[in-house]
C-alpha atoms as a PDB file:
ATOM      1  CA  MET A   1      -7.158  -3.436 -11.259  1.00  0.00           C
ATOM      2  CA  ILE A   2      -6.872   0.217 -12.273  1.00  0.00           C
ATOM      3  CA  THR A   3      -3.304   0.334 -10.982  1.00  0.00           C
ATOM      4  CA  LYS A   4      -2.291  -2.571 -13.197  1.00  0.00           C
ATOM      5  CA  SER A   5      -4.134  -1.057 -16.174  1.00  0.00           C
ATOM      6  CA  LEU A   6      -2.420   2.307 -15.715  1.00  0.00           C
ATOM      7  CA  HIS A   7       0.921   0.546 -15.390  1.00  0.00           C
ATOM      8  CA  GLU A   8       0.388  -1.263 -18.699  1.00  0.00           C
ATOM      9  CA  GLU A   9      -0.778   1.942 -20.403  1.00  0.00           C
ATOM     10  CA  LEU A  10       2.085   4.138 -19.155  1.00  0.00           C
ATOM     11  CA  LYS A  11       5.116   1.864 -18.841  1.00  0.00           C
ATOM     12  CA  HIS A  12       6.330   2.619 -22.387  1.00  0.00           C
ATOM     13  CA  LYS A  13       6.584   6.274 -21.314  1.00  0.00           C
ATOM     14  CA  GLY A  14       8.686   5.349 -18.281  1.00  0.00           C
ATOM     15  CA  ILE A  15       5.925   6.292 -15.829  1.00  0.00           C
ATOM     16  CA  LEU A  16       5.742   4.129 -12.707  1.00  0.00           C
ATOM     17  CA  VAL A  17       2.388   3.479 -11.009  1.00  0.00           C
ATOM     18  CA  THR A  18       1.477   2.024  -7.627  1.00  0.00           C
ATOM     19  CA  ALA A  19      -1.369   1.806  -5.161  1.00  0.00           C
ATOM     20  CA  LEU A  20      -0.369   2.318  -1.558  1.00  0.00           C
ATOM     21  CA  HIS A  21      -1.651   0.660   1.620  1.00  0.00           C
ATOM     22  CA  PRO A  22      -0.902   3.030   4.529  1.00  0.00           C
ATOM     23  CA  GLY A  23      -0.802   0.318   7.191  1.00  0.00           C
ATOM     24  CA  TRP A  24      -2.981   0.020  10.267  1.00  0.00           C
ATOM     25  CA  ALA A  25      -2.832   3.521  11.709  1.00  0.00           C
ATOM     26  CA  ARG A  26      -4.441   4.941  14.831  1.00  0.00           C
ATOM     27  CA  THR A  27      -7.098   7.053  13.144  1.00  0.00           C
ATOM     28  CA  GLY A  28     -10.864   7.218  13.357  1.00  0.00           C
ATOM     29  CA  ILE A  29     -10.970   4.179  11.067  1.00  0.00           C
ATOM     30  CA  GLY A  30      -7.994   2.248  12.469  1.00  0.00           C
ATOM     31  CA  GLY A  31      -8.902   2.768  16.108  1.00  0.00           C
ATOM     32  CA  PRO A  32      -6.716   3.117  19.208  1.00  0.00           C
ATOM     33  CA  GLU A  33      -5.257  -0.406  19.005  1.00  0.00           C
ATOM     34  CA  ALA A  34      -3.659   0.135  15.579  1.00  0.00           C
ATOM     35  CA  THR A  35       0.073  -0.451  15.377  1.00  0.00           C
ATOM     36  CA  LEU A  36       1.120   2.821  13.705  1.00  0.00           C
ATOM     37  CA  SER A  37       0.638   6.443  14.647  1.00  0.00           C
ATOM     38  CA  PRO A  38      -0.636   8.604  11.783  1.00  0.00           C
ATOM     39  CA  GLU A  39       2.775  10.307  11.691  1.00  0.00           C
ATOM     40  CA  GLU A  40       4.613   6.973  11.391  1.00  0.00           C
ATOM     41  CA  SER A  41       2.310   5.889   8.571  1.00  0.00           C
ATOM     42  CA  ILE A  42       2.730   9.147   6.659  1.00  0.00           C
ATOM     43  CA  LYS A  43       6.510   9.185   7.084  1.00  0.00           C
ATOM     44  CA  ALA A  44       6.769   5.599   5.819  1.00  0.00           C
ATOM     45  CA  CYS A  45       4.379   6.260   2.920  1.00  0.00           C
ATOM     46  CA  MET A  46       6.496   9.195   1.778  1.00  0.00           C
ATOM     47  CA  SER A  47       9.420   6.829   1.122  1.00  0.00           C
ATOM     48  CA  VAL A  48       7.434   4.496  -1.152  1.00  0.00           C
ATOM     49  CA  PRO A  49       7.769   6.641  -4.320  1.00  0.00           C
ATOM     50  CA  LEU A  50      11.531   6.764  -3.782  1.00  0.00           C
ATOM     51  CA  ASN A  51      11.633   2.960  -3.853  1.00  0.00           C
ATOM     52  CA  LEU A  52       9.278   2.425  -6.786  1.00  0.00           C
ATOM     53  CA  SER A  53      10.847   0.527  -9.675  1.00  0.00           C
ATOM     54  CA  THR A  54       9.871  -1.128 -12.932  1.00  0.00           C
ATOM     55  CA  GLU A  55       9.748  -4.428 -11.022  1.00  0.00           C
ATOM     56  CA  ASN A  56       7.069  -3.300  -8.556  1.00  0.00           C
ATOM     57  CA  SER A  57       5.222  -0.776 -10.724  1.00  0.00           C
ATOM     58  CA  GLY A  58       1.586  -1.765 -11.197  1.00  0.00           C
ATOM     59  CA  SER A  59       1.295  -3.446  -7.806  1.00  0.00           C
ATOM     60  CA  LEU A  60      -0.131  -2.633  -4.396  1.00  0.00           C
ATOM     61  CA  LEU A  61       2.666  -1.770  -1.988  1.00  0.00           C
ATOM     62  CA  SER A  62       2.435  -1.455   1.759  1.00  0.00           C
ATOM     63  CA  TYR A  63       3.676   1.580   3.665  1.00  0.00           C
ATOM     64  CA  ASN A  64       7.012  -0.210   4.223  1.00  0.00           C
ATOM     65  CA  CYS A  65       7.569  -0.788   0.479  1.00  0.00           C
ATOM     66  CA  LEU A  66       6.701  -4.493   0.580  1.00  0.00           C
ATOM     67  CA  LEU A  67       4.359  -6.083  -1.923  1.00  0.00           C
ATOM     68  CA  TYR A  68       0.978  -6.141  -0.219  1.00  0.00           C
ATOM     69  CA  THR A  69      -1.215  -9.191  -0.537  1.00  0.00           C
ATOM     70  CA  SER A  70      -4.749  -8.765   0.663  1.00  0.00           C
ATOM     71  CA  PRO A  71      -6.057 -11.090   3.345  1.00  0.00           C
ATOM     72  CA  SER A  72      -8.730 -13.515   2.239  1.00  0.00           C
ATOM     73  CA  PRO A  73     -12.368 -12.690   3.081  1.00  0.00           C
ATOM     74  CA  ARG A  74     -12.270 -15.504   5.654  1.00  0.00           C
ATOM     75  CA  ASP A  75      -9.301 -13.821   7.382  1.00  0.00           C
ATOM     76  CA  LEU A  76     -11.140 -10.494   7.497  1.00  0.00           C
ATOM     77  CA  SER A  77     -14.044 -12.019   9.373  1.00  0.00           C
ATOM     78  CA  THR A  78     -11.824 -13.339  12.169  1.00  0.00           C
ATOM     79  CA  SER A  79      -9.079 -10.750  12.616  1.00  0.00           C
ATOM     80  CA  ARG A  80      -8.176  -7.099  12.193  1.00  0.00           C
ATOM     81  CA  MET A  81      -6.167  -6.069   9.193  1.00  0.00           C
ATOM     82  CA  PRO A  82      -2.501  -5.547  10.089  1.00  0.00           C
END
């Protein structure tokens, strides 16, 4: 919600805002079965600001610049987050 609020507050100044999901990376939190290495996640995340636009400002974007939609709580109880 803070991302959307900041977007609304700053858009008239031309400032773009996003929250970023780094993907499922092999870290202490993601574990060894995660699909991305930390380096792959970081490299992909670094491109997100370059692709930010007025159309996607204020949203949660994934590491690959796609609009991220959170899984439902029911999905979280039965599977790992991609």
